[in-house]
């Protein structure tokens, strides 16, 4: 069942820390900020870990601000309700083609890249190819990321293709279409 507009607004607040805008933080000390940040983070991670609605998890992933890292997204990919399309969506928004220029995590770290993100994308890739994410009610096409004739996430790094030393599994390029 599609996520209601009201629920989507709540999820967007959660995924972008927009909750901060509703609270007067003008008198916060450093300790107050740390406590507040920890509370927000715990609430966000609990949503991603405990929510069993695939549509809500996908809505969260699609509104996530990657400036917040990927810990919440990793919780979603560990959640049994995470569908194949959501895992693929997260994977492609992590820019896996950028990492094709590196043979492994050590090469990423040596280049001062985000080795932890490389590891996260590799875990998704491994589980995805192994069929660990269920096909459900959500579609996703990495060549049409917004689903409305929009932008392609595939080929975003073709300008550095001369540096590529490895390929992504073909399954990661295949769109998930609903029947």
C-alpha atoms as a PDB file:
ATOM      1  CA  UNK A   1       0.000   0.000   0.000  1.00  0.00           C
ATOM      2  CA  UNK A   2       1.447   3.404  -0.937  1.00  0.00           C
ATOM      3  CA  UNK A   3       2.662   5.678   1.837  1.00  0.00           C
ATOM      4  CA  UNK A   4       0.228   8.510   2.618  1.00  0.00           C
ATOM      5  CA  UNK A   5       1.347  12.114   2.139  1.00  0.00           C
ATOM      6  CA  UNK A   6       1.176  12.691   5.901  1.00  0.00           C
ATOM      7  CA  UNK A   7       3.275   9.623   6.654  1.00  0.00           C
ATOM      8  CA  UNK A   8       5.735  10.563   3.913  1.00  0.00           C
ATOM      9  CA  UNK A   9       6.173  13.974   5.555  1.00  0.00           C
ATOM     10  CA  UNK A  10       6.908  12.235   8.881  1.00  0.00           C
ATOM     11  CA  UNK A  11       9.421   9.924   7.209  1.00  0.00           C
ATOM     12  CA  UNK A  12      11.060  12.874   5.451  1.00  0.00           C
ATOM     13  CA  UNK A  13      11.478  14.627   8.812  1.00  0.00           C
ATOM     14  CA  UNK A  14      13.116  11.497  10.158  1.00  0.00           C
ATOM     15  CA  UNK A  15      15.377  10.926   7.157  1.00  0.00           C
ATOM     16  CA  UNK A  16      16.595  14.515   6.933  1.00  0.00           C
ATOM     17  CA  UNK A  17      16.697  15.522  10.603  1.00  0.00           C
ATOM     18  CA  UNK A  18      14.058  18.158   9.877  1.00  0.00           C
ATOM     19  CA  UNK A  19      12.829  17.518  13.430  1.00  0.00           C
ATOM     20  CA  UNK A  20      15.512  19.947  14.550  1.00  0.00           C
ATOM     21  CA  UNK A  21      13.553  22.784  12.944  1.00  0.00           C
ATOM     22  CA  UNK A  22      10.646  22.274  15.354  1.00  0.00           C
ATOM     23  CA  UNK A  23      12.716  22.623  18.516  1.00  0.00           C
ATOM     24  CA  UNK A  24      14.187  25.753  20.037  1.00  0.00           C
ATOM     25  CA  UNK A  25      17.862  24.910  20.280  1.00  0.00           C
ATOM     26  CA  UNK A  26      19.071  28.449  20.880  1.00  0.00           C
ATOM     27  CA  UNK A  27      19.989  27.703  24.494  1.00  0.00           C
ATOM     28  CA  UNK A  28      21.581  24.291  23.855  1.00  0.00           C
ATOM     29  CA  UNK A  29      24.970  23.630  25.383  1.00  0.00           C
ATOM     30  CA  UNK A  30      27.413  21.251  23.711  1.00  0.00           C
ATOM     31  CA  UNK A  31      26.174  18.511  26.041  1.00  0.00           C
ATOM     32  CA  UNK A  32      22.559  19.279  25.086  1.00  0.00           C
ATOM     33  CA  UNK A  33      23.450  19.039  21.388  1.00  0.00           C
ATOM     34  CA  UNK A  34      25.215  15.726  21.901  1.00  0.00           C
ATOM     35  CA  UNK A  35      22.278  14.290  23.859  1.00  0.00           C
ATOM     36  CA  UNK A  36      19.816  15.591  21.259  1.00  0.00           C
ATOM     37  CA  UNK A  37      21.889  14.195  18.389  1.00  0.00           C
ATOM     38  CA  UNK A  38      22.080  10.804  20.100  1.00  0.00           C
ATOM     39  CA  UNK A  39      18.302  10.760  20.641  1.00  0.00           C
ATOM     40  CA  UNK A  40      17.628  11.634  16.996  1.00  0.00           C
ATOM     41  CA  UNK A  41      20.110   9.039  15.801  1.00  0.00           C
ATOM     42  CA  UNK A  42      18.592   6.343  18.027  1.00  0.00           C
ATOM     43  CA  UNK A  43      15.091   7.163  16.775  1.00  0.00           C
ATOM     44  CA  UNK A  44      16.241   7.054  13.154  1.00  0.00           C
ATOM     45  CA  UNK A  45      18.081   3.752  13.549  1.00  0.00           C
ATOM     46  CA  UNK A  46      15.120   2.202  15.387  1.00  0.00           C
ATOM     47  CA  UNK A  47      12.821   3.152  12.500  1.00  0.00           C
ATOM     48  CA  UNK A  48      15.169   1.582   9.961  1.00  0.00           C
ATOM     49  CA  UNK A  49      15.730  -1.541  12.043  1.00  0.00           C
ATOM     50  CA  UNK A  50      12.211  -2.186  13.337  1.00  0.00           C
ATOM     51  CA  UNK A  51       9.829  -0.933  10.644  1.00  0.00           C
ATOM     52  CA  UNK A  52       8.309  -3.832   8.697  1.00  0.00           C
ATOM     53  CA  UNK A  53       6.640  -1.798   5.948  1.00  0.00           C
ATOM     54  CA  UNK A  54       8.692  -2.116   2.722  1.00  0.00           C
ATOM     55  CA  UNK A  55       7.076   1.005   1.235  1.00  0.00           C
ATOM     56  CA  UNK A  56       8.042   3.099   4.270  1.00  0.00           C
ATOM     57  CA  UNK A  57      11.602   1.774   4.216  1.00  0.00           C
ATOM     58  CA  UNK A  58      11.855   2.669   0.523  1.00  0.00           C
ATOM     59  CA  UNK A  59      10.383   6.118   1.204  1.00  0.00           C
ATOM     60  CA  UNK A  60      12.999   6.647   3.912  1.00  0.00           C
ATOM     61  CA  UNK A  61      15.823   5.579   1.595  1.00  0.00           C
ATOM     62  CA  UNK A  62      14.544   7.803  -1.198  1.00  0.00           C
ATOM     63  CA  UNK A  63      14.481  10.878   1.041  1.00  0.00           C
ATOM     64  CA  UNK A  64      17.670  10.123   2.985  1.00  0.00           C
ATOM     65  CA  UNK A  65      20.283  12.863   3.135  1.00  0.00           C
ATOM     66  CA  UNK A  66      23.564  11.068   2.459  1.00  0.00           C
ATOM     67  CA  UNK A  67      25.385  13.834   4.350  1.00  0.00           C
ATOM     68  CA  UNK A  68      24.239  11.870   7.402  1.00  0.00           C
ATOM     69  CA  UNK A  69      26.345   8.875   6.385  1.00  0.00           C
ATOM     70  CA  UNK A  70      24.930   5.478   5.598  1.00  0.00           C
ATOM     71  CA  UNK A  71      24.432   3.811   8.991  1.00  0.00           C
ATOM     72  CA  UNK A  72      20.643   4.172   8.748  1.00  0.00           C
ATOM     73  CA  UNK A  73      20.663   2.781   5.217  1.00  0.00           C
ATOM     74  CA  UNK A  74      22.696  -0.185   6.386  1.00  0.00           C
ATOM     75  CA  UNK A  75      20.025  -0.841   9.023  1.00  0.00           C
ATOM     76  CA  UNK A  76      17.447  -0.854   6.223  1.00  0.00           C
ATOM     77  CA  UNK A  77      19.438  -3.393   4.197  1.00  0.00           C
ATOM     78  CA  UNK A  78      19.644  -5.627   7.289  1.00  0.00           C
ATOM     79  CA  UNK A  79      15.888  -5.361   7.819  1.00  0.00           C
ATOM     80  CA  UNK A  80      14.020  -8.455   6.528  1.00  0.00           C
ATOM     81  CA  UNK A  81      11.366  -6.134   5.052  1.00  0.00           C
ATOM     82  CA  UNK A  82      13.922  -4.486   2.739  1.00  0.00           C
ATOM     83  CA  UNK A  83      12.893  -5.374  -0.792  1.00  0.00           C
ATOM     84  CA  UNK A  84      15.165  -5.962  -3.752  1.00  0.00           C
ATOM     85  CA  UNK A  85      14.259  -2.581  -5.301  1.00  0.00           C
ATOM     86  CA  UNK A  86      15.129  -0.701  -2.115  1.00  0.00           C
ATOM     87  CA  UNK A  87      18.508  -2.426  -1.841  1.00  0.00           C
ATOM     88  CA  UNK A  88      19.208  -1.608  -5.498  1.00  0.00           C
ATOM     89  CA  UNK A  89      18.081   1.994  -4.970  1.00  0.00           C
ATOM     90  CA  UNK A  90      20.441   2.411  -2.009  1.00  0.00           C
ATOM     91  CA  UNK A  91      23.271   0.730  -3.919  1.00  0.00           C
ATOM     92  CA  UNK A  92      23.033   3.026  -6.937  1.00  0.00           C
ATOM     93  CA  UNK A  93      22.697   6.160  -4.823  1.00  0.00           C
ATOM     94  CA  UNK A  94      25.982   5.176  -3.163  1.00  0.00           C
ATOM     95  CA  UNK A  95      27.735   5.689  -6.546  1.00  0.00           C
ATOM     96  CA  UNK A  96      29.109   2.164  -7.059  1.00  0.00           C
ATOM     97  CA  UNK A  97      30.552   2.999 -10.473  1.00  0.00           C
ATOM     98  CA  UNK A  98      32.926   5.482  -8.834  1.00  0.00           C
ATOM     99  CA  UNK A  99      34.520   2.557  -7.003  1.00  0.00           C
ATOM    100  CA  UNK A 100      35.186   0.623 -10.232  1.00  0.00           C
ATOM    101  CA  UNK A 101      38.532   2.416 -10.384  1.00  0.00           C
ATOM    102  CA  UNK A 102      39.706   0.527  -7.285  1.00  0.00           C
ATOM    103  CA  UNK A 103      40.539  -3.161  -7.033  1.00  0.00           C
ATOM    104  CA  UNK A 104      39.636  -3.460  -3.370  1.00  0.00           C
ATOM    105  CA  UNK A 105      39.081  -1.672  -0.068  1.00  0.00           C
ATOM    106  CA  UNK A 106      42.807  -1.113   0.473  1.00  0.00           C
ATOM    107  CA  UNK A 107      43.096   0.701  -2.862  1.00  0.00           C
ATOM    108  CA  UNK A 108      40.140   2.913  -1.886  1.00  0.00           C
ATOM    109  CA  UNK A 109      41.730   3.721   1.484  1.00  0.00           C
ATOM    110  CA  UNK A 110      45.108   4.402  -0.136  1.00  0.00           C
ATOM    111  CA  UNK A 111      43.422   6.912  -2.470  1.00  0.00           C
ATOM    112  CA  UNK A 112      41.820   8.524   0.607  1.00  0.00           C
ATOM    113  CA  UNK A 113      38.381   7.392  -0.558  1.00  0.00           C
ATOM    114  CA  UNK A 114      35.545   6.171   1.632  1.00  0.00           C
ATOM    115  CA  UNK A 115      36.561   2.557   2.255  1.00  0.00           C
ATOM    116  CA  UNK A 116      33.606   2.037   4.607  1.00  0.00           C
ATOM    117  CA  UNK A 117      31.161   3.027   1.867  1.00  0.00           C
ATOM    118  CA  UNK A 118      33.017   0.721  -0.529  1.00  0.00           C
ATOM    119  CA  UNK A 119      32.511  -2.105   1.992  1.00  0.00           C
ATOM    120  CA  UNK A 120      28.815  -1.242   2.413  1.00  0.00           C
ATOM    121  CA  UNK A 121      28.202  -1.267  -1.335  1.00  0.00           C
ATOM    122  CA  UNK A 122      30.126  -4.536  -1.643  1.00  0.00           C
ATOM    123  CA  UNK A 123      27.934  -6.119   1.067  1.00  0.00           C
ATOM    124  CA  UNK A 124      24.772  -5.017  -0.758  1.00  0.00           C
ATOM    125  CA  UNK A 125      26.180  -6.296  -4.050  1.00  0.00           C
ATOM    126  CA  UNK A 126      27.079  -9.696  -2.580  1.00  0.00           C
ATOM    127  CA  UNK A 127      23.711 -10.176  -0.909  1.00  0.00           C
ATOM    128  CA  UNK A 128      21.810  -8.875  -3.934  1.00  0.00           C
ATOM    129  CA  UNK A 129      23.529 -11.246  -6.359  1.00  0.00           C
ATOM    130  CA  UNK A 130      22.943 -14.095  -3.889  1.00  0.00           C
ATOM    131  CA  UNK A 131      19.202 -13.339  -3.967  1.00  0.00           C
ATOM    132  CA  UNK A 132      18.956 -12.331  -0.318  1.00  0.00           C
ATOM    133  CA  UNK A 133      16.563  -9.441  -0.976  1.00  0.00           C
ATOM    134  CA  UNK A 134      12.985 -10.411  -1.765  1.00  0.00           C
ATOM    135  CA  UNK A 135      11.178  -9.188  -4.840  1.00  0.00           C
ATOM    136  CA  UNK A 136       8.134  -7.303  -3.634  1.00  0.00           C
ATOM    137  CA  UNK A 137       5.813  -4.504  -4.631  1.00  0.00           C
ATOM    138  CA  UNK A 138       8.409  -1.828  -5.437  1.00  0.00           C
ATOM    139  CA  UNK A 139      10.015  -1.173  -8.825  1.00  0.00           C
ATOM    140  CA  UNK A 140      13.333   0.537  -9.512  1.00  0.00           C
ATOM    141  CA  UNK A 141      15.362   1.134 -12.649  1.00  0.00           C
ATOM    142  CA  UNK A 142      18.865   2.579 -12.181  1.00  0.00           C
ATOM    143  CA  UNK A 143      18.702   4.013 -15.714  1.00  0.00           C
ATOM    144  CA  UNK A 144      15.519   5.913 -14.837  1.00  0.00           C
ATOM    145  CA  UNK A 145      16.071   6.757 -11.189  1.00  0.00           C
ATOM    146  CA  UNK A 146      13.048   8.947 -10.581  1.00  0.00           C
ATOM    147  CA  UNK A 147      10.740   6.653 -12.544  1.00  0.00           C
ATOM    148  CA  UNK A 148       9.457   9.448 -14.749  1.00  0.00           C
ATOM    149  CA  UNK A 149      11.850   9.454 -17.685  1.00  0.00           C
ATOM    150  CA  UNK A 150      14.447  11.056 -15.480  1.00  0.00           C
ATOM    151  CA  UNK A 151      18.117  10.763 -14.854  1.00  0.00           C
ATOM    152  CA  UNK A 152      20.246   7.650 -15.090  1.00  0.00           C
ATOM    153  CA  UNK A 153      22.544   6.604 -12.280  1.00  0.00           C
ATOM    154  CA  UNK A 154      24.281   4.249 -14.715  1.00  0.00           C
ATOM    155  CA  UNK A 155      27.205   5.793 -16.547  1.00  0.00           C
ATOM    156  CA  UNK A 156      27.628   8.718 -14.164  1.00  0.00           C
ATOM    157  CA  UNK A 157      31.372   8.120 -14.106  1.00  0.00           C
ATOM    158  CA  UNK A 158      31.965   7.273 -17.756  1.00  0.00           C
ATOM    159  CA  UNK A 159      34.364  10.229 -17.900  1.00  0.00           C
ATOM    160  CA  UNK A 160      36.819   8.202 -15.790  1.00  0.00           C
ATOM    161  CA  UNK A 161      36.106   4.840 -17.433  1.00  0.00           C
ATOM    162  CA  UNK A 162      39.753   4.641 -18.505  1.00  0.00           C
ATOM    163  CA  UNK A 163      40.603   4.159 -14.822  1.00  0.00           C
ATOM    164  CA  UNK A 164      38.148   1.290 -14.279  1.00  0.00           C
ATOM    165  CA  UNK A 165      39.825  -1.930 -13.147  1.00  0.00           C
ATOM    166  CA  UNK A 166      36.771  -3.994 -12.328  1.00  0.00           C
ATOM    167  CA  UNK A 167      33.156  -4.498 -13.356  1.00  0.00           C
ATOM    168  CA  UNK A 168      29.938  -4.504 -11.405  1.00  0.00           C
ATOM    169  CA  UNK A 169      27.836  -7.671 -11.566  1.00  0.00           C
ATOM    170  CA  UNK A 170      25.346  -7.561 -14.471  1.00  0.00           C
ATOM    171  CA  UNK A 171      22.449  -8.121 -12.030  1.00  0.00           C
ATOM    172  CA  UNK A 172      23.093  -4.702 -10.511  1.00  0.00           C
ATOM    173  CA  UNK A 173      22.188  -3.042 -13.821  1.00  0.00           C
ATOM    174  CA  UNK A 174      18.904  -4.889 -14.305  1.00  0.00           C
ATOM    175  CA  UNK A 175      15.749  -2.873 -13.582  1.00  0.00           C
ATOM    176  CA  UNK A 176      13.142  -4.266 -11.229  1.00  0.00           C
ATOM    177  CA  UNK A 177       9.815  -4.063 -12.961  1.00  0.00           C
ATOM    178  CA  UNK A 178       6.495  -5.093 -11.553  1.00  0.00           C
ATOM    179  CA  UNK A 179       4.220  -7.392 -13.487  1.00  0.00           C
END
